[in-house]
Amino acid sequence: MEETATKTTIDLATDLTIAWLTNPNTRATAEEVPAFLKTMHQAVSELGGASATTDDDAAETHVPAVSVRKSLASRDHIISMIDGKPYKALRRHLKTHGLTPAEYRERYGLKADYPMVAPAYSEKRRAMANKIGLGRKATPRRRATRVES
């Protein structure tokens, strides 16, 4: 079984190299072809699962895209440590990567109080909620109308 898998990866790497060389836009010297073939074979082998141990090691170590200080530098957004892009709230972004806020904090060694929502966005949502009356206790007038109905 391993022999067939190895043969297939070699065949795939060879086919990809041939396709690369037959492209009219590719300009390669004879010295570049063996190096490209070797790189292609390694890539195909990794995709085929031949080097699962190196994938596990790479999965354990996560390098943040930005520093903690830079991720919290703006009041308008939080920069994700996964992809370095700004977000007003990180929860939905984390969910697309299969993470919870706790797992995200653990992965990058963040404190438990690391925010998941940008401060300006949080204040905006709070003001909107207060404006429509969320968070207030019922007034005596409201209680009376509730009891009557």
Protein backbone atom coordinates (compact mmCIF):
# COMPACT_ATOMS: atom_id res chain seq x y z
CA MET A 1 0.00 0.00 0.00
CA GLU A 2 2.82 2.43 0.86
CA GLU A 3 4.51 1.67 -2.45
CA THR A 4 1.34 2.61 -4.34
CA ALA A 5 0.91 5.79 -2.33
CA THR A 6 4.54 6.76 -2.91
CA LYS A 7 4.22 5.97 -6.59
CA THR A 8 1.13 8.12 -6.80
CA THR A 9 2.79 11.08 -5.09
CA ILE A 10 5.76 10.80 -7.44
CA ASP A 11 3.41 10.61 -10.40
CA LEU A 12 1.41 13.60 -9.18
CA ALA A 13 4.55 15.64 -8.55
CA THR A 14 5.86 14.73 -12.00
CA ASP A 15 2.56 15.63 -13.67
CA LEU A 16 2.44 18.98 -11.88
CA THR A 17 6.04 19.74 -12.84
CA ILE A 18 5.34 18.87 -16.48
CA ALA A 19 2.27 21.13 -16.43
CA TRP A 20 4.40 23.93 -14.95
CA LEU A 21 7.05 23.49 -17.62
CA THR A 22 4.59 23.38 -20.52
CA ASN A 23 3.08 26.73 -19.50
CA PRO A 24 4.31 29.24 -22.10
CA ASN A 25 4.72 31.91 -19.41
CA THR A 26 7.16 29.80 -17.39
CA ARG A 27 10.82 30.51 -17.96
CA ALA A 28 12.93 27.94 -16.16
CA THR A 29 16.51 26.87 -16.53
CA ALA A 30 17.63 23.27 -16.37
CA GLU A 31 19.00 23.83 -12.86
CA GLU A 32 15.61 24.98 -11.53
CA VAL A 33 13.66 21.91 -12.66
CA PRO A 34 15.02 19.33 -10.13
CA ALA A 35 14.54 21.76 -7.25
CA PHE A 36 10.96 22.46 -8.36
CA LEU A 37 10.26 18.73 -8.74
CA LYS A 38 11.58 18.08 -5.23
CA THR A 39 9.46 20.90 -3.79
CA MET A 40 6.39 19.67 -5.64
CA HIS A 41 6.93 16.09 -4.40
CA GLN A 42 7.27 17.31 -0.82
CA ALA A 43 4.07 19.36 -1.11
CA VAL A 44 2.10 16.47 -2.61
CA SER A 45 3.44 14.10 0.07
CA GLU A 46 2.35 16.44 2.84
CA LEU A 47 -1.10 16.84 1.30
CA GLY A 48 -1.38 13.09 0.97
CA GLY A 49 -0.78 12.62 4.69
CA ALA A 50 2.66 11.08 4.38
CA SER A 51 4.09 13.47 6.96
CA ALA A 52 1.28 13.66 9.51
CA THR A 53 3.75 14.12 12.38
CA THR A 54 4.99 17.44 11.03
CA ASP A 55 1.39 18.64 10.58
CA ASP A 56 0.63 17.83 14.25
CA ASP A 57 3.66 19.79 15.43
CA ALA A 58 2.69 22.76 13.26
CA ALA A 59 -0.88 22.66 14.62
CA GLU A 60 0.38 22.89 18.21
CA THR A 61 2.39 26.07 17.62
CA HIS A 62 0.34 29.08 16.57
CA VAL A 63 2.16 32.27 15.71
CA PRO A 64 0.00 35.38 16.18
CA ALA A 65 -0.39 37.65 13.16
CA VAL A 66 0.01 40.74 15.37
CA SER A 67 1.11 41.50 18.92
CA VAL A 68 -1.37 41.80 21.76
CA ARG A 69 -0.63 45.50 22.04
CA LYS A 70 -1.30 46.09 18.34
CA SER A 71 -4.49 44.00 18.39
CA LEU A 72 -5.97 46.35 21.01
CA ALA A 73 -4.47 49.62 19.72
CA SER A 74 -7.70 51.01 18.25
CA ARG A 75 -11.01 51.70 20.00
CA ASP A 76 -12.90 51.06 16.76
CA HIS A 77 -11.78 47.48 16.18
CA ILE A 78 -9.82 44.51 17.51
CA ILE A 79 -7.25 42.98 15.19
CA SER A 80 -7.50 39.20 15.00
CA MET A 81 -4.37 37.26 15.91
CA ILE A 82 -5.41 34.57 13.44
CA ASP A 83 -5.37 36.60 10.22
CA GLY A 84 -4.41 40.15 11.23
CA LYS A 85 -7.69 41.69 10.04
CA PRO A 86 -9.77 44.18 12.07
CA TYR A 87 -13.15 43.17 13.52
CA LYS A 88 -15.68 44.98 15.71
CA ALA A 89 -16.53 41.68 17.42
CA LEU A 90 -14.44 38.50 17.30
CA ARG A 91 -16.98 35.82 18.24
CA ARG A 92 -18.34 35.16 14.74
CA HIS A 93 -14.84 35.27 13.27
CA LEU A 94 -13.63 32.74 15.85
CA LYS A 95 -16.58 30.48 15.14
CA THR A 96 -15.59 30.29 11.46
CA HIS A 97 -12.21 29.00 12.62
CA GLY A 98 -13.79 26.51 15.02
CA LEU A 99 -12.70 28.32 18.18
CA THR A 100 -14.43 29.58 21.28
CA PRO A 101 -13.23 32.77 22.99
CA ALA A 102 -11.63 30.66 25.74
CA GLU A 103 -9.75 28.51 23.18
CA TYR A 104 -8.61 31.65 21.35
CA ARG A 105 -7.28 33.18 24.56
CA GLU A 106 -5.54 29.92 25.46
CA ARG A 107 -4.03 29.46 21.99
CA TYR A 108 -2.33 32.87 22.06
CA GLY A 109 -1.65 33.08 25.81
CA LEU A 110 -4.06 35.95 26.44
CA LYS A 111 -5.48 36.97 29.81
CA ALA A 112 -9.01 35.94 30.76
CA ASP A 113 -10.21 39.55 30.46
CA TYR A 114 -8.99 40.01 26.87
CA PRO A 115 -11.95 41.68 25.10
CA MET A 116 -13.91 40.05 22.28
CA VAL A 117 -15.68 43.30 21.28
CA ALA A 118 -14.13 46.66 20.37
CA PRO A 119 -14.76 49.34 23.03
CA ALA A 120 -16.39 51.86 20.65
CA TYR A 121 -18.72 49.18 19.25
CA SER A 122 -19.64 48.05 22.75
CA GLU A 123 -20.47 51.62 23.80
CA LYS A 124 -22.55 52.12 20.66
CA ARG A 125 -24.56 48.95 21.34
CA ARG A 126 -25.00 49.90 25.00
CA ALA A 127 -26.32 53.36 24.07
CA MET A 128 -28.74 51.83 21.59
CA ALA A 129 -30.02 49.33 24.19
CA ASN A 130 -30.50 52.08 26.79
CA LYS A 131 -32.33 54.22 24.25
CA ILE A 132 -34.94 51.53 23.59
CA GLY A 133 -35.32 50.85 27.32
CA LEU A 134 -33.43 47.63 27.90
CA GLY A 135 -31.96 47.25 31.36
CA ARG A 136 -34.50 49.47 33.15
CA LYS A 137 -36.73 48.28 35.89
CA ALA A 138 -40.43 48.57 35.28
CA THR A 139 -41.89 51.91 36.33
CA PRO A 140 -45.05 52.03 38.48
CA ARG A 141 -47.08 53.09 35.46
CA ARG A 142 -45.89 50.08 33.47
CA ARG A 143 -46.61 47.74 36.37
CA ALA A 144 -50.18 49.03 36.57
CA THR A 145 -50.81 48.42 32.89
CA ARG A 146 -49.38 44.93 33.16
CA VAL A 147 -51.58 44.00 36.09
CA GLU A 148 -54.73 45.30 34.40
CA SER A 149 -54.21 43.36 31.19
